Protein backbone atom coordinates (compact mmCIF):
# COMPACT_ATOMS: atom_id res chain seq x y z
CA MET A 1 118.09 142.60 171.73
CA TRP A 2 114.54 141.42 172.56
CA ASN A 3 116.06 137.62 173.26
CA VAL A 4 118.56 139.12 175.36
CA TRP A 5 116.12 138.49 179.44
CA TRP A 6 117.66 141.93 180.90
CA VAL A 7 115.99 143.89 178.29
CA TRP A 8 113.28 142.86 179.59
CA ILE A 9 113.35 143.53 183.07
CA VAL A 10 114.80 147.09 182.35
CA ALA A 11 111.44 147.71 180.62
CA GLY A 12 109.77 146.33 183.34
CA PHE A 13 111.93 148.79 185.28
CA ALA A 14 110.75 151.77 183.36
CA LEU A 15 107.33 151.03 183.12
CA GLY A 16 107.48 150.63 186.66
CA VAL A 17 108.96 154.21 187.05
CA LEU A 18 106.67 155.90 184.48
CA GLU A 19 103.66 154.18 186.69
CA ILE A 20 104.72 156.03 189.47
CA LEU A 21 105.05 159.26 186.98
CA ALA A 22 101.91 158.51 185.79
CA PRO A 23 99.12 156.70 188.64
CA GLY A 24 96.62 155.56 187.77
CA TYR A 25 97.41 151.06 187.47
CA ILE A 26 97.87 151.78 183.55
CA PHE A 27 101.39 151.51 183.01
CA LEU A 28 101.57 149.09 186.47
CA GLY A 29 100.42 145.50 183.96
CA PHE A 30 102.57 147.16 181.13
CA ALA A 31 105.69 146.60 183.37
CA MET A 32 104.77 143.08 185.54
CA GLY A 33 104.14 141.55 182.06
CA ALA A 34 107.54 142.69 181.21
CA LEU A 35 109.15 141.55 184.00
CA LEU A 36 107.41 138.39 183.64
CA THR A 37 108.29 137.58 180.48
CA GLY A 38 112.02 138.35 181.30
CA VAL A 39 111.71 135.92 183.91
CA LEU A 40 110.30 132.93 181.79
CA LEU A 41 113.05 134.12 178.86
CA GLY A 42 115.61 133.88 181.43
CA PHE A 43 115.17 131.11 182.92
CA GLY A 44 114.89 129.63 179.69
CA VAL A 45 110.91 128.53 179.38
CA LEU A 46 110.71 130.97 176.66
CA GLY A 47 112.77 131.25 173.08
CA GLY A 48 112.36 132.38 169.83
CA SER A 49 111.03 135.39 167.66
CA LEU A 50 110.12 138.62 168.77
CA PRO A 51 106.41 137.91 167.48
CA LEU A 52 106.62 135.55 169.69
CA LEU A 53 108.17 136.85 172.54
CA LEU A 54 105.33 140.06 172.11
CA MET A 55 102.94 137.33 172.12
CA VAL A 56 103.39 136.54 175.42
CA PHE A 57 104.36 140.05 176.74
CA ALA A 58 100.78 141.21 175.83
CA VAL A 59 98.71 138.05 176.98
CA LEU A 60 101.29 138.33 180.74
CA SER A 61 100.34 142.36 180.31
CA LEU A 62 96.25 141.46 180.16
CA ILE A 63 96.53 138.51 182.97
CA THR A 64 98.65 141.19 185.31
CA TRP A 65 96.67 144.18 184.36
CA LEU A 66 92.91 142.05 185.11
CA ILE A 67 94.43 140.36 188.77
CA LEU A 68 95.45 144.03 189.48
CA ARG A 69 92.06 145.66 188.74
CA ARG A 70 90.24 143.13 190.69
CA VAL A 71 92.66 143.29 193.45
CA VAL A 72 93.18 147.79 194.09
CA GLY A 73 90.53 148.65 190.68
CA VAL A 74 87.05 150.05 190.99
CA THR A 75 85.13 149.42 193.71
CA LYS A 76 81.25 149.63 194.31
CA GLY A 77 80.17 153.18 194.97
CA GLN A 78 83.65 154.67 193.80
CA ALA A 79 82.08 157.49 191.35
CA LYS A 80 79.95 160.10 192.64
CA ILE A 81 76.24 160.34 190.77
CA TRP A 82 74.73 163.93 190.68
CA HIS A 83 70.32 162.98 190.13
CA LYS A 84 70.18 166.87 190.76
CA ASP A 85 71.57 169.62 189.37
CA ILE A 86 73.86 172.18 191.25
CA ASN A 87 72.01 175.66 190.07
CA ASP A 88 67.91 173.77 190.78
């Protein structure tokens, strides 16, 4: 079942919907990793066992998450640091 390209595409879209329901750029890297794995599997670049596909999925998810983190991630000065207590 996991050697079928459209299963990875559907899993990617499902993770994309989960990202819409729980925003925060957490599931978006996984969704893009699953989509890219499905595309590579569909074009015949990948093939083989489930552990190989899971490793490719994990690496692609990490790479896309790091790219997303750099593009839309935390910016400088985003977090407010309080230097004095409101009760003082």
